[in-house]
Amino acid sequence: MKYLEVVTPHEVTVVSTADLKTHLRITFSDDDTYIAACEAAAVRMVEEYTNLYLGTTNLVQYGNSFSDLKILYKSPVSNTVSHLPTVSYYSGAAWNTLATTEYEFVPLIKPARLYPSDDSSLPSTDDVFQAWKISYYAGYATTTDIPQPLIQAVKIIVADMYENRQSVIVGKIVSTIPKTAEYLMNPYKIQTL
């Protein structure tokens, strides 16, 4: 069994409240706090839908074997020197770091991949649940790196949240994510197997 833990979530504002007010054609400031909260929720919706993080987020992915770490759940994976992934295994009743020569990390494809090196001899682990883990960072380095269609999707979702504050509206077909936003996000959606 594999699972993902968010160690440090990002707190990036993708679209400013001022930009959202322009998009919503609002000139008053009574709802600024509500609009900012909608923006944070919309960013999370985009991230869940696409499997992309819009801001740099520290993650740990666990698995029972090394092959459970083969496909990383979230993208884009950072490969900067300060954010290189770390692979660990549980052996001798302690977590040990796997040498970088034992695996090949391929961050440029989405989802990013992790393979054992050709001459790798992976260590044995204790017979425990979740004996392998990889710690990595996913997300765009700056807001200017975020594709414009994803920013537009955030705006559309915020507008929908702002206009439709109830979960059920009489006379309207309810969709969790507006179709226009889905169309904008679909080309960026990362399918994990």
Protein backbone atom coordinates (compact mmCIF):
# COMPACT_ATOMS: atom_id res chain seq x y z
CA MET A 1 0.00 0.00 0.00
CA LYS A 2 1.21 3.49 -0.90
CA TYR A 3 0.23 6.82 0.54
CA LEU A 4 1.25 10.46 0.49
CA GLU A 5 1.81 12.80 3.41
CA VAL A 6 1.89 16.58 3.05
CA VAL A 7 4.66 17.72 5.39
CA THR A 8 4.64 21.44 4.64
CA PRO A 9 1.78 22.82 2.55
CA HIS A 10 2.36 25.98 0.57
CA GLU A 11 0.65 29.24 1.46
CA VAL A 12 1.00 30.83 -2.00
CA THR A 13 -1.62 33.29 -3.19
CA VAL A 14 -1.98 32.44 -6.87
CA VAL A 15 -4.42 35.23 -7.72
CA SER A 16 -4.52 38.37 -5.59
CA THR A 17 -7.76 39.57 -4.05
CA ALA A 18 -7.48 42.74 -6.16
CA ASP A 19 -7.26 40.68 -9.38
CA LEU A 20 -10.19 38.55 -8.30
CA LYS A 21 -12.27 41.64 -7.53
CA THR A 22 -11.54 42.91 -11.04
CA HIS A 23 -12.57 39.53 -12.46
CA LEU A 24 -15.75 39.59 -10.36
CA ARG A 25 -16.38 43.29 -11.18
CA ILE A 26 -16.53 44.18 -7.50
CA THR A 27 -15.53 47.65 -6.31
CA PHE A 28 -16.34 47.40 -2.59
CA SER A 29 -14.11 45.73 0.02
CA ASP A 30 -16.71 44.16 2.34
CA ASP A 31 -16.09 40.67 0.92
CA ASP A 32 -12.28 40.78 0.64
CA THR A 33 -11.75 38.17 3.36
CA TYR A 34 -14.35 35.87 1.81
CA ILE A 35 -12.82 36.26 -1.66
CA ALA A 36 -9.35 35.43 -0.28
CA ALA A 37 -10.77 32.30 1.38
CA CYS A 38 -12.44 31.30 -1.91
CA GLU A 39 -9.10 31.76 -3.70
CA ALA A 40 -7.35 29.40 -1.26
CA ALA A 41 -10.12 26.81 -1.71
CA ALA A 42 -10.05 27.19 -5.51
CA VAL A 43 -6.27 26.66 -5.56
CA ARG A 44 -6.71 23.40 -3.60
CA MET A 45 -9.45 22.30 -6.02
CA VAL A 46 -7.17 22.92 -9.02
CA GLU A 47 -4.35 21.04 -7.29
CA GLU A 48 -6.53 18.03 -6.49
CA TYR A 49 -7.99 17.92 -9.99
CA THR A 50 -4.68 18.21 -11.82
CA ASN A 51 -2.31 16.45 -9.35
CA LEU A 52 -0.11 19.54 -9.61
CA TYR A 53 0.92 21.76 -6.74
CA LEU A 54 0.82 25.45 -7.64
CA GLY A 55 3.22 26.40 -4.82
CA THR A 56 6.24 24.54 -3.48
CA THR A 57 5.04 21.83 -1.10
CA ASN A 58 7.11 19.32 0.89
CA LEU A 59 5.77 15.76 0.53
CA VAL A 60 6.65 12.27 1.74
CA GLN A 61 5.42 9.28 -0.26
CA TYR A 62 5.50 5.88 1.46
CA GLY A 63 5.47 2.36 0.08
CA ASN A 64 6.04 -1.23 1.11
CA SER A 65 8.75 -1.73 -1.50
CA PHE A 66 11.04 0.42 -3.62
CA SER A 67 8.79 -0.16 -6.64
CA ASP A 68 5.93 1.57 -4.74
CA LEU A 69 7.96 4.78 -5.08
CA LYS A 70 8.39 4.38 -8.84
CA ILE A 71 5.72 6.96 -9.72
CA LEU A 72 5.53 10.13 -7.65
CA TYR A 73 1.97 11.25 -6.95
CA LYS A 74 2.33 15.01 -7.40
CA SER A 75 4.04 17.26 -9.94
CA PRO A 76 5.98 19.31 -10.97
CA VAL A 77 8.78 17.84 -8.88
CA SER A 78 11.58 20.19 -7.94
CA ASN A 79 15.11 19.05 -8.69
CA THR A 80 16.98 22.10 -7.44
CA VAL A 81 19.97 21.46 -5.20
CA SER A 82 18.07 22.65 -2.12
CA HIS A 83 15.07 20.44 -2.93
CA LEU A 84 16.55 17.18 -4.17
CA PRO A 85 14.49 14.13 -3.24
CA THR A 86 15.68 11.80 -0.50
CA VAL A 87 14.93 8.07 -0.56
CA SER A 88 14.95 6.23 2.77
CA TYR A 89 14.35 2.65 3.87
CA TYR A 90 13.63 1.11 7.26
CA SER A 91 16.28 -1.40 8.30
CA GLY A 92 17.87 -2.24 11.63
CA ALA A 93 14.95 -0.57 13.45
CA ALA A 94 15.90 2.83 12.00
CA TRP A 95 15.42 4.95 8.88
CA ASN A 96 18.47 4.90 6.57
CA THR A 97 19.10 7.12 3.56
CA LEU A 98 19.63 5.33 0.26
CA ALA A 99 22.71 6.51 -1.65
CA THR A 100 21.85 8.57 -4.75
CA THR A 101 24.00 6.17 -6.82
CA GLU A 102 21.44 3.43 -6.12
CA TYR A 103 18.60 5.11 -8.00
CA GLU A 104 17.85 7.32 -10.98
CA PHE A 105 15.42 10.18 -10.52
CA VAL A 106 13.60 11.45 -13.64
CA PRO A 107 11.80 14.71 -12.71
CA LEU A 108 11.16 16.16 -16.17
CA ILE A 109 8.35 13.77 -17.07
CA LYS A 110 4.96 13.98 -15.39
CA PRO A 111 4.46 12.20 -13.16
CA ALA A 112 8.12 12.07 -12.14
CA ARG A 113 9.70 8.61 -11.92
CA LEU A 114 12.21 6.86 -9.68
CA TYR A 115 14.12 3.80 -10.93
CA PRO A 116 16.82 1.64 -9.38
CA SER A 117 20.20 2.16 -11.05
CA ASP A 118 21.33 -0.52 -13.49
CA ASP A 119 23.97 -1.83 -11.07
CA SER A 120 21.90 -1.17 -7.97
CA SER A 121 21.68 -3.65 -5.13
CA LEU A 122 18.77 -2.41 -3.09
CA PRO A 123 19.14 -3.15 0.62
CA SER A 124 16.80 -5.44 2.47
CA THR A 125 14.34 -3.85 4.85
CA ASP A 126 12.81 -4.86 8.14
CA ASP A 127 9.53 -6.70 7.77
CA VAL A 128 7.42 -3.64 8.55
CA PHE A 129 4.56 -1.80 6.90
CA GLN A 130 5.73 1.16 4.76
CA ALA A 131 9.44 0.31 4.79
CA TRP A 132 10.30 2.78 2.00
CA LYS A 133 9.75 6.52 1.62
CA ILE A 134 10.77 9.40 -0.59
CA SER A 135 10.76 12.98 0.59
CA TYR A 136 10.42 15.51 -2.22
CA TYR A 137 9.14 18.96 -3.15
CA ALA A 138 6.46 19.52 -5.76
CA GLY A 139 5.11 22.77 -7.10
CA TYR A 140 5.96 25.72 -9.28
CA ALA A 141 8.89 27.79 -8.03
CA THR A 142 7.10 31.12 -8.55
CA THR A 143 3.58 32.22 -9.46
CA THR A 144 4.88 33.45 -12.82
CA ASP A 145 5.73 29.81 -13.67
CA ILE A 146 2.10 28.69 -13.25
CA PRO A 147 0.42 28.21 -16.64
CA GLN A 148 -2.13 30.94 -17.40
CA PRO A 149 -5.01 28.49 -18.03
CA LEU A 150 -4.64 27.22 -14.44
CA ILE A 151 -4.74 30.77 -13.11
CA GLN A 152 -7.86 31.40 -15.18
CA ALA A 153 -9.39 28.19 -13.77
CA VAL A 154 -8.79 29.53 -10.25
CA LYS A 155 -10.60 32.75 -11.19
CA ILE A 156 -13.56 30.86 -12.66
CA ILE A 157 -13.87 28.61 -9.60
CA VAL A 158 -13.72 31.62 -7.27
CA ALA A 159 -16.43 33.36 -9.31
CA ASP A 160 -18.61 30.26 -9.06
CA MET A 161 -18.04 30.03 -5.30
CA TYR A 162 -18.76 33.72 -4.85
CA GLU A 163 -21.99 33.66 -6.86
CA ASN A 164 -23.25 30.31 -5.55
CA ARG A 165 -22.60 30.26 -1.83
CA GLN A 166 -24.95 27.36 -1.11
CA SER A 167 -24.35 23.71 -1.96
CA VAL A 168 -27.82 23.35 -3.52
CA ILE A 169 -29.43 26.02 -5.65
CA VAL A 170 -32.99 25.53 -6.84
CA GLY A 171 -33.26 25.54 -10.61
CA LYS A 172 -29.53 25.04 -11.31
CA ILE A 173 -27.65 21.91 -12.26
CA VAL A 174 -24.86 21.67 -9.71
CA SER A 175 -21.36 20.66 -10.68
CA THR A 176 -18.44 20.59 -8.27
CA ILE A 177 -16.09 22.30 -10.69
CA PRO A 178 -17.40 24.60 -13.42
CA LYS A 179 -17.05 22.98 -16.86
CA THR A 180 -15.05 25.91 -18.25
CA ALA A 181 -12.49 25.46 -15.48
CA GLU A 182 -12.34 21.72 -16.20
CA TYR A 183 -11.66 22.41 -19.89
CA LEU A 184 -8.82 24.75 -18.90
CA MET A 185 -7.31 22.23 -16.45
CA ASN A 186 -7.64 19.04 -18.54
CA PRO A 187 -4.46 19.56 -20.63
CA TYR A 188 -2.45 19.88 -17.39
CA LYS A 189 -4.02 16.96 -15.52
CA ILE A 190 -1.45 14.35 -14.48
CA GLN A 191 -2.76 10.80 -14.39
CA THR A 192 -1.11 8.62 -11.76
CA LEU A 193 -1.38 4.89 -12.20
